[in-house]
Amino acid sequence: MKEFTYTIKEPVGIHARPAGMLAKEAKAHESTVTIVDKNGKSVDATRLMALMGMGIKCGDTVTVKIEGTDEETAAPAMEKFFNDNL
């Protein structure tokens, strides 16, 4: 399992467009990508409505966990996605 923490910089947080882009990126990998917020709540990153339901706002810190067959390549790709888009 690979994981990293990230503080959201997107002004709207993880909502609508950013959440859709995140779900699409997570689906591109065979590994399971899980987002865990500061309160310990976790969701599968491919589930758009679940992501939006977390209420993650700008300035919140999340932990991203990647586990599966392609985690060695999925983890840096997801970290790059977060840095470029969120």
PDB file of N, CA and C in Angstrom:
ATOM      1  N   MET A   1       0.838  -1.174   0.000  1.00  0.00           N
ATOM      2  CA  MET A   1       0.000   0.000   0.000  1.00  0.00           C
ATOM      3  C   MET A   1       0.886   1.241   0.000  1.00  0.00           C
ATOM      4  N   LYS A   2       0.484   2.204  -0.789  1.00  0.00           N
ATOM      5  CA  LYS A   2       1.153   3.503  -0.841  1.00  0.00           C
ATOM      6  C   LYS A   2       0.172   4.533  -0.330  1.00  0.00           C
ATOM      7  N   GLU A   3       0.693   5.593   0.287  1.00  0.00           N
ATOM      8  CA  GLU A   3      -0.187   6.671   0.720  1.00  0.00           C
ATOM      9  C   GLU A   3       0.566   7.978   0.790  1.00  0.00           C
ATOM     10  N   PHE A   4      -0.198   9.055   0.672  1.00  0.00           N
ATOM     11  CA  PHE A   4       0.360  10.393   0.828  1.00  0.00           C
ATOM     12  C   PHE A   4      -0.727  11.305   1.384  1.00  0.00           C
ATOM     13  N   THR A   5      -0.311  12.385   2.001  1.00  0.00           N
ATOM     14  CA  THR A   5      -1.276  13.372   2.485  1.00  0.00           C
ATOM     15  C   THR A   5      -1.197  14.595   1.585  1.00  0.00           C
ATOM     16  N   TYR A   6      -2.309  15.290   1.483  1.00  0.00           N
ATOM     17  CA  TYR A   6      -2.364  16.458   0.615  1.00  0.00           C
ATOM     18  C   TYR A   6      -3.338  17.471   1.202  1.00  0.00           C
ATOM     19  N   THR A   7      -2.947  18.736   1.188  1.00  0.00           N
ATOM     20  CA  THR A   7      -3.820  19.822   1.616  1.00  0.00           C
ATOM     21  C   THR A   7      -4.452  20.434   0.376  1.00  0.00           C
ATOM     22  N   ILE A   8      -5.768  20.443   0.335  1.00  0.00           N
ATOM     23  CA  ILE A   8      -6.529  20.903  -0.827  1.00  0.00           C
ATOM     24  C   ILE A   8      -6.312  22.402  -1.041  1.00  0.00           C
ATOM     25  N   LYS A   9      -5.952  22.769  -2.269  1.00  0.00           N
ATOM     26  CA  LYS A   9      -5.719  24.167  -2.627  1.00  0.00           C
ATOM     27  C   LYS A   9      -6.808  24.719  -3.547  1.00  0.00           C
ATOM     28  N   GLU A  10      -7.594  23.826  -4.156  1.00  0.00           N
ATOM     29  CA  GLU A  10      -8.690  24.230  -5.042  1.00  0.00           C
ATOM     30  C   GLU A  10      -9.703  25.041  -4.229  1.00  0.00           C
ATOM     31  N   PRO A  11     -10.021  26.281  -4.661  1.00  0.00           N
ATOM     32  CA  PRO A  11     -10.924  27.136  -3.875  1.00  0.00           C
ATOM     33  C   PRO A  11     -12.282  26.517  -3.549  1.00  0.00           C
ATOM     34  N   VAL A  12     -12.832  25.698  -4.446  1.00  0.00           N
ATOM     35  CA  VAL A  12     -14.137  25.081  -4.174  1.00  0.00           C
ATOM     36  C   VAL A  12     -14.011  23.742  -3.458  1.00  0.00           C
ATOM     37  N   GLY A  13     -12.789  23.309  -3.174  1.00  0.00           N
ATOM     38  CA  GLY A  13     -12.577  22.014  -2.529  1.00  0.00           C
ATOM     39  C   GLY A  13     -12.817  20.882  -3.511  1.00  0.00           C
ATOM     40  N   ILE A  14     -13.176  19.714  -2.993  1.00  0.00           N
ATOM     41  CA  ILE A  14     -13.479  18.582  -3.868  1.00  0.00           C
ATOM     42  C   ILE A  14     -14.989  18.582  -4.077  1.00  0.00           C
ATOM     43  N   HIS A  15     -15.430  19.286  -5.113  1.00  0.00           N
ATOM     44  CA  HIS A  15     -16.844  19.405  -5.420  1.00  0.00           C
ATOM     45  C   HIS A  15     -17.025  19.468  -6.932  1.00  0.00           C
ATOM     46  N   ALA A  16     -18.080  18.877  -7.432  1.00  0.00           N
ATOM     47  CA  ALA A  16     -18.492  18.897  -8.841  1.00  0.00           C
ATOM     48  C   ALA A  16     -17.349  18.606  -9.814  1.00  0.00           C
ATOM     49  N   ARG A  17     -16.855  19.625 -10.515  1.00  0.00           N
ATOM     50  CA  ARG A  17     -15.840  19.404 -11.546  1.00  0.00           C
ATOM     51  C   ARG A  17     -14.573  18.764 -10.995  1.00  0.00           C
ATOM     52  N   PRO A  18     -13.980  19.279  -9.912  1.00  0.00           N
ATOM     53  CA  PRO A  18     -12.773  18.610  -9.400  1.00  0.00           C
ATOM     54  C   PRO A  18     -13.041  17.169  -8.964  1.00  0.00           C
ATOM     55  N   ALA A  19     -14.198  16.915  -8.390  1.00  0.00           N
ATOM     56  CA  ALA A  19     -14.530  15.550  -7.957  1.00  0.00           C
ATOM     57  C   ALA A  19     -14.692  14.627  -9.156  1.00  0.00           C
ATOM     58  N   GLY A  20     -15.301  15.118 -10.220  1.00  0.00           N
ATOM     59  CA  GLY A  20     -15.462  14.322 -11.432  1.00  0.00           C
ATOM     60  C   GLY A  20     -14.127  13.969 -12.054  1.00  0.00           C
ATOM     61  N   MET A  21     -13.224  14.938 -12.099  1.00  0.00           N
ATOM     62  CA  MET A  21     -11.891  14.691 -12.638  1.00  0.00           C
ATOM     63  C   MET A  21     -11.141  13.687 -11.772  1.00  0.00           C
ATOM     64  N   LEU A  22     -11.283  13.792 -10.450  1.00  0.00           N
ATOM     65  CA  LEU A  22     -10.614  12.878  -9.525  1.00  0.00           C
ATOM     66  C   LEU A  22     -11.142  11.456  -9.704  1.00  0.00           C
ATOM     67  N   ALA A  23     -12.454  11.300  -9.803  1.00  0.00           N
ATOM     68  CA  ALA A  23     -13.043   9.969  -9.987  1.00  0.00           C
ATOM     69  C   ALA A  23     -12.564   9.347 -11.300  1.00  0.00           C
ATOM     70  N   LYS A  24     -12.495  10.145 -12.350  1.00  0.00           N
ATOM     71  CA  LYS A  24     -12.032   9.649 -13.650  1.00  0.00           C
ATOM     72  C   LYS A  24     -10.573   9.188 -13.571  1.00  0.00           C
ATOM     73  N   GLU A  25      -9.740   9.970 -12.900  1.00  0.00           N
ATOM     74  CA  GLU A  25      -8.324   9.598 -12.745  1.00  0.00           C
ATOM     75  C   GLU A  25      -8.183   8.325 -11.928  1.00  0.00           C
ATOM     76  N   ALA A  26      -8.961   8.192 -10.854  1.00  0.00           N
ATOM     77  CA  ALA A  26      -8.890   7.000 -10.009  1.00  0.00           C
ATOM     78  C   ALA A  26      -9.323   5.756 -10.785  1.00  0.00           C
ATOM     79  N   LYS A  27     -10.312   5.897 -11.670  1.00  0.00           N
ATOM     80  CA  LYS A  27     -10.790   4.760 -12.458  1.00  0.00           C
ATOM     81  C   LYS A  27      -9.764   4.315 -13.485  1.00  0.00           C
ATOM     82  N   ALA A  28      -8.816   5.177 -13.825  1.00  0.00           N
ATOM     83  CA  ALA A  28      -7.803   4.850 -14.827  1.00  0.00           C
ATOM     84  C   ALA A  28      -6.773   3.846 -14.307  1.00  0.00           C
ATOM     85  N   HIS A  29      -6.804   3.545 -13.025  1.00  0.00           N
ATOM     86  CA  HIS A  29      -5.826   2.642 -12.414  1.00  0.00           C
ATOM     87  C   HIS A  29      -6.512   1.373 -11.922  1.00  0.00           C
ATOM     88  N   GLU A  30      -5.780   0.271 -11.952  1.00  0.00           N
ATOM     89  CA  GLU A  30      -6.306  -0.998 -11.453  1.00  0.00           C
ATOM     90  C   GLU A  30      -6.361  -1.017  -9.925  1.00  0.00           C
ATOM     91  N   SER A  31      -5.492  -0.260  -9.292  1.00  0.00           N
ATOM     92  CA  SER A  31      -5.454  -0.224  -7.831  1.00  0.00           C
ATOM     93  C   SER A  31      -6.675   0.489  -7.279  1.00  0.00           C
ATOM     94  N   THR A  32      -6.995   0.189  -6.033  1.00  0.00           N
ATOM     95  CA  THR A  32      -8.066   0.877  -5.337  1.00  0.00           C
ATOM     96  C   THR A  32      -7.498   2.164  -4.743  1.00  0.00           C
ATOM     97  N   VAL A  33      -8.151   3.282  -5.028  1.00  0.00           N
ATOM     98  CA  VAL A  33      -7.725   4.575  -4.499  1.00  0.00           C
ATOM     99  C   VAL A  33      -8.773   5.009  -3.480  1.00  0.00           C
ATOM    100  N   THR A  34      -8.335   5.255  -2.251  1.00  0.00           N
ATOM    101  CA  THR A  34      -9.229   5.633  -1.170  1.00  0.00           C
ATOM    102  C   THR A  34      -8.836   7.004  -0.638  1.00  0.00           C
ATOM    103  N   ILE A  35      -9.822   7.853  -0.421  1.00  0.00           N
ATOM    104  CA  ILE A  35      -9.595   9.170   0.162  1.00  0.00           C
ATOM    105  C   ILE A  35     -10.073   9.121   1.607  1.00  0.00           C
ATOM    106  N   VAL A  36      -9.227   9.547   2.532  1.00  0.00           N
ATOM    107  CA  VAL A  36      -9.578   9.585   3.952  1.00  0.00           C
ATOM    108  C   VAL A  36      -9.471  11.027   4.417  1.00  0.00           C
ATOM    109  N   ASP A  37     -10.556  11.570   4.980  1.00  0.00           N
ATOM    110  CA  ASP A  37     -10.501  12.955   5.443  1.00  0.00           C
ATOM    111  C   ASP A  37     -10.001  13.043   6.876  1.00  0.00           C
ATOM    112  N   LYS A  38      -9.926  14.255   7.378  1.00  0.00           N
ATOM    113  CA  LYS A  38      -9.361  14.490   8.709  1.00  0.00           C
ATOM    114  C   LYS A  38     -10.180  13.876   9.837  1.00  0.00           C
ATOM    115  N   ASN A  39     -11.444  13.547   9.563  1.00  0.00           N
ATOM    116  CA  ASN A  39     -12.293  12.941  10.585  1.00  0.00           C
ATOM    117  C   ASN A  39     -12.285  11.419  10.531  1.00  0.00           C
ATOM    118  N   GLY A  40     -11.439  10.850   9.667  1.00  0.00           N
ATOM    119  CA  GLY A  40     -11.338   9.408   9.569  1.00  0.00           C
ATOM    120  C   GLY A  40     -12.335   8.766   8.630  1.00  0.00           C
ATOM    121  N   LYS A  41     -13.226   9.556   8.027  1.00  0.00           N
ATOM    122  CA  LYS A  41     -14.194   9.038   7.053  1.00  0.00           C
ATOM    123  C   LYS A  41     -13.453   8.732   5.756  1.00  0.00           C
ATOM    124  N   SER A  42     -13.765   7.592   5.137  1.00  0.00           N
ATOM    125  CA  SER A  42     -13.076   7.233   3.899  1.00  0.00           C
ATOM    126  C   SER A  42     -14.070   6.824   2.825  1.00  0.00           C
ATOM    127  N   VAL A  43     -13.701   7.093   1.557  1.00  0.00           N
ATOM    128  CA  VAL A  43     -14.522   6.706   0.420  1.00  0.00           C
ATOM    129  C   VAL A  43     -13.630   6.228  -0.714  1.00  0.00           C
ATOM    130  N   ASP A  44     -14.205   5.410  -1.566  1.00  0.00           N
ATOM    131  CA  ASP A  44     -13.550   4.985  -2.797  1.00  0.00           C
ATOM    132  C   ASP A  44     -13.534   6.202  -3.720  1.00  0.00           C
ATOM    133  N   ALA A  45     -12.378   6.564  -4.225  1.00  0.00           N
ATOM    134  CA  ALA A  45     -12.234   7.768  -5.039  1.00  0.00           C
ATOM    135  C   ALA A  45     -12.942   7.682  -6.382  1.00  0.00           C
ATOM    136  N   THR A  46     -13.404   6.505  -6.784  1.00  0.00           N
ATOM    137  CA  THR A  46     -14.125   6.394  -8.050  1.00  0.00           C
ATOM    138  C   THR A  46     -15.608   6.727  -7.887  1.00  0.00           C
ATOM    139  N   ARG A  47     -16.062   6.911  -6.679  1.00  0.00           N
ATOM    140  CA  ARG A  47     -17.480   7.188  -6.409  1.00  0.00           C
ATOM    141  C   ARG A  47     -17.711   8.685  -6.272  1.00  0.00           C
ATOM    142  N   LEU A  48     -18.185   9.295  -7.352  1.00  0.00           N
ATOM    143  CA  LEU A  48     -18.346  10.742  -7.439  1.00  0.00           C
ATOM    144  C   LEU A  48     -19.208  11.316  -6.319  1.00  0.00           C
ATOM    145  N   MET A  49     -20.382  10.780  -6.113  1.00  0.00           N
ATOM    146  CA  MET A  49     -21.283  11.328  -5.096  1.00  0.00           C
ATOM    147  C   MET A  49     -20.705  11.164  -3.688  1.00  0.00           C
ATOM    148  N   ALA A  50     -20.009  10.072  -3.449  1.00  0.00           N
ATOM    149  CA  ALA A  50     -19.375   9.868  -2.147  1.00  0.00           C
ATOM    150  C   ALA A  50     -18.286  10.901  -1.910  1.00  0.00           C
ATOM    151  N   LEU A  51     -17.509  11.186  -2.967  1.00  0.00           N
ATOM    152  CA  LEU A  51     -16.466  12.212  -2.847  1.00  0.00           C
ATOM    153  C   LEU A  51     -17.068  13.567  -2.491  1.00  0.00           C
ATOM    154  N   MET A  52     -18.105  13.945  -3.229  1.00  0.00           N
ATOM    155  CA  MET A  52     -18.734  15.238  -2.979  1.00  0.00           C
ATOM    156  C   MET A  52     -19.395  15.277  -1.606  1.00  0.00           C
ATOM    157  N   GLY A  53     -19.910  14.141  -1.152  1.00  0.00           N
ATOM    158  CA  GLY A  53     -20.561  14.068   0.148  1.00  0.00           C
ATOM    159  C   GLY A  53     -19.622  14.223   1.330  1.00  0.00           C
ATOM    160  N   MET A  54     -18.329  14.100   1.096  1.00  0.00           N
ATOM    161  CA  MET A  54     -17.373  14.261   2.191  1.00  0.00           C
ATOM    162  C   MET A  54     -17.243  15.714   2.634  1.00  0.00           C
ATOM    163  N   GLY A  55     -17.603  16.636   1.755  1.00  0.00           N
ATOM    164  CA  GLY A  55     -17.544  18.058   2.111  1.00  0.00           C
ATOM    165  C   GLY A  55     -16.133  18.575   2.307  1.00  0.00           C
ATOM    166  N   ILE A  56     -15.186  18.079   1.536  1.00  0.00           N
ATOM    167  CA  ILE A  56     -13.791  18.505   1.670  1.00  0.00           C
ATOM    168  C   ILE A  56     -13.627  19.896   1.063  1.00  0.00           C
ATOM    169  N   LYS A  57     -13.143  20.820   1.864  1.00  0.00           N
ATOM    170  CA  LYS A  57     -13.013  22.210   1.455  1.00  0.00           C
ATOM    171  C   LYS A  57     -11.549  22.605   1.282  1.00  0.00           C
ATOM    172  N   CYS A  58     -11.343  23.751   0.691  1.00  0.00           N
ATOM    173  CA  CYS A  58      -9.998  24.313   0.536  1.00  0.00           C
ATOM    174  C   CYS A  58      -9.343  24.415   1.917  1.00  0.00           C
ATOM    175  N   GLY A  59      -8.122  23.952   2.028  1.00  0.00           N
ATOM    176  CA  GLY A  59      -7.396  23.986   3.293  1.00  0.00           C
ATOM    177  C   GLY A  59      -7.488  22.697   4.090  1.00  0.00           C
ATOM    178  N   ASP A  60      -8.439  21.823   3.751  1.00  0.00           N
ATOM    179  CA  ASP A  60      -8.545  20.526   4.431  1.00  0.00           C
ATOM    180  C   ASP A  60      -7.419  19.610   3.974  1.00  0.00           C
ATOM    181  N   THR A  61      -6.929  18.781   4.862  1.00  0.00           N
ATOM    182  CA  THR A  61      -5.880  17.817   4.536  1.00  0.00           C
ATOM    183  C   THR A  61      -6.499  16.431   4.474  1.00  0.00           C
ATOM    184  N   VAL A  62      -6.200  15.713   3.387  1.00  0.00           N
ATOM    185  CA  VAL A  62      -6.706  14.357   3.199  1.00  0.00           C
ATOM    186  C   VAL A  62      -5.535  13.398   3.059  1.00  0.00           C
ATOM    187  N   THR A  63      -5.790  12.143   3.322  1.00  0.00           N
ATOM    188  CA  THR A  63      -4.823  11.080   3.082  1.00  0.00           C
ATOM    189  C   THR A  63      -5.344  10.264   1.916  1.00  0.00           C
ATOM    190  N   VAL A  64      -4.476  10.009   0.960  1.00  0.00           N
ATOM    191  CA  VAL A  64      -4.830   9.214  -0.217  1.00  0.00           C
ATOM    192  C   VAL A  64      -4.090   7.885  -0.096  1.00  0.00           C
ATOM    193  N   LYS A  65      -4.857   6.793  -0.120  1.00  0.00           N
ATOM    194  CA  LYS A  65      -4.273   5.456  -0.017  1.00  0.00           C
ATOM    195  C   LYS A  65      -4.494   4.727  -1.330  1.00  0.00           C
ATOM    196  N   ILE A  66      -3.437   4.136  -1.863  1.00  0.00           N
ATOM    197  CA  ILE A  66      -3.487   3.389  -3.111  1.00  0.00           C
ATOM    198  C   ILE A  66      -3.027   1.972  -2.828  1.00  0.00           C
ATOM    199  N   GLU A  67      -3.866   1.000  -3.168  1.00  0.00           N
ATOM    200  CA  GLU A  67      -3.530  -0.390  -2.895  1.00  0.00           C
ATOM    201  C   GLU A  67      -3.974  -1.262  -4.061  1.00  0.00           C
ATOM    202  N   GLY A  68      -3.052  -2.055  -4.594  1.00  0.00           N
ATOM    203  CA  GLY A  68      -3.404  -2.961  -5.671  1.00  0.00           C
ATOM    204  C   GLY A  68      -2.225  -3.301  -6.551  1.00  0.00           C
ATOM    205  N   THR A  69      -2.533  -3.904  -7.681  1.00  0.00           N
ATOM    206  CA  THR A  69      -1.496  -4.432  -8.570  1.00  0.00           C
ATOM    207  C   THR A  69      -0.619  -3.371  -9.206  1.00  0.00           C
ATOM    208  N   ASP A  70      -1.163  -2.178  -9.462  1.00  0.00           N
ATOM    209  CA  ASP A  70      -0.356  -1.148 -10.111  1.00  0.00           C
ATOM    210  C   ASP A  70      -0.064   0.041  -9.195  1.00  0.00           C
ATOM    211  N   GLU A  71      -0.018  -0.221  -7.881  1.00  0.00           N
ATOM    212  CA  GLU A  71       0.180   0.875  -6.927  1.00  0.00           C
ATOM    213  C   GLU A  71       1.505   1.612  -7.120  1.00  0.00           C
ATOM    214  N   GLU A  72       2.526   0.927  -7.621  1.00  0.00           N
ATOM    215  CA  GLU A  72       3.829   1.578  -7.830  1.00  0.00           C
ATOM    216  C   GLU A  72       3.748   2.694  -8.868  1.00  0.00           C
ATOM    217  N   THR A  73       2.902   2.538  -9.870  1.00  0.00           N
ATOM    218  CA  THR A  73       2.735   3.588 -10.881  1.00  0.00           C
ATOM    219  C   THR A  73       1.531   4.471 -10.576  1.00  0.00           C
ATOM    220  N   ALA A  74       0.515   3.917  -9.928  1.00  0.00           N
ATOM    221  CA  ALA A  74      -0.689   4.687  -9.619  1.00  0.00           C
ATOM    222  C   ALA A  74      -0.423   5.763  -8.568  1.00  0.00           C
ATOM    223  N   ALA A  75       0.384   5.475  -7.569  1.00  0.00           N
ATOM    224  CA  ALA A  75       0.645   6.438  -6.497  1.00  0.00           C
ATOM    225  C   ALA A  75       1.269   7.728  -7.014  1.00  0.00           C
ATOM    226  N   PRO A  76       2.358   7.678  -7.806  1.00  0.00           N
ATOM    227  CA  PRO A  76       2.906   8.940  -8.309  1.00  0.00           C
ATOM    228  C   PRO A  76       1.947   9.650  -9.266  1.00  0.00           C
ATOM    229  N   ALA A  77       1.163   8.890 -10.025  1.00  0.00           N
ATOM    230  CA  ALA A  77       0.202   9.508 -10.944  1.00  0.00           C
ATOM    231  C   ALA A  77      -0.888  10.239 -10.164  1.00  0.00           C
ATOM    232  N   MET A  78      -1.372   9.630  -9.088  1.00  0.00           N
ATOM    233  CA  MET A  78      -2.399  10.282  -8.273  1.00  0.00           C
ATOM    234  C   MET A  78      -1.830  11.496  -7.548  1.00  0.00           C
ATOM    235  N   GLU A  79      -0.601  11.387  -7.069  1.00  0.00           N
ATOM    236  CA  GLU A  79       0.008  12.531  -6.393  1.00  0.00           C
ATOM    237  C   GLU A  79       0.176  13.692  -7.375  1.00  0.00           C
ATOM    238  N   LYS A  80       0.587  13.403  -8.594  1.00  0.00           N
ATOM    239  CA  LYS A  80       0.715  14.440  -9.622  1.00  0.00           C
ATOM    240  C   LYS A  80      -0.652  15.051  -9.915  1.00  0.00           C
ATOM    241  N   PHE A  81      -1.682  14.215 -10.019  1.00  0.00           N
ATOM    242  CA  PHE A  81      -3.038  14.724 -10.251  1.00  0.00           C
ATOM    243  C   PHE A  81      -3.440  15.703  -9.157  1.00  0.00           C
ATOM    244  N   PHE A  82      -3.223  15.331  -7.901  1.00  0.00           N
ATOM    245  CA  PHE A  82      -3.586  16.212  -6.789  1.00  0.00           C
ATOM    246  C   PHE A  82      -2.811  17.522  -6.881  1.00  0.00           C
ATOM    247  N   ASN A  83      -1.507  17.450  -7.132  1.00  0.00           N
ATOM    248  CA  ASN A  83      -0.703  18.672  -7.213  1.00  0.00           C
ATOM    249  C   ASN A  83      -1.133  19.574  -8.363  1.00  0.00           C
ATOM    250  N   ASP A  84      -1.516  18.988  -9.486  1.00  0.00           N
ATOM    251  CA  ASP A  84      -1.885  19.768 -10.673  1.00  0.00           C
ATOM    252  C   ASP A  84      -3.323  20.290 -10.638  1.00  0.00           C
ATOM    253  N   ASN A  85      -4.223  19.589  -9.945  1.00  0.00           N
ATOM    254  CA  ASN A  85      -5.643  19.908 -10.056  1.00  0.00           C
ATOM    255  C   ASN A  85      -6.378  20.258  -8.770  1.00  0.00           C
ATOM    256  N   LEU A  86      -5.833  19.893  -7.642  1.00  0.00           N
ATOM    257  CA  LEU A  86      -6.567  20.127  -6.401  1.00  0.00           C
ATOM    258  C   LEU A  86      -5.736  20.963  -5.433  1.00  0.00           C
TER     259      LEU A  86
END
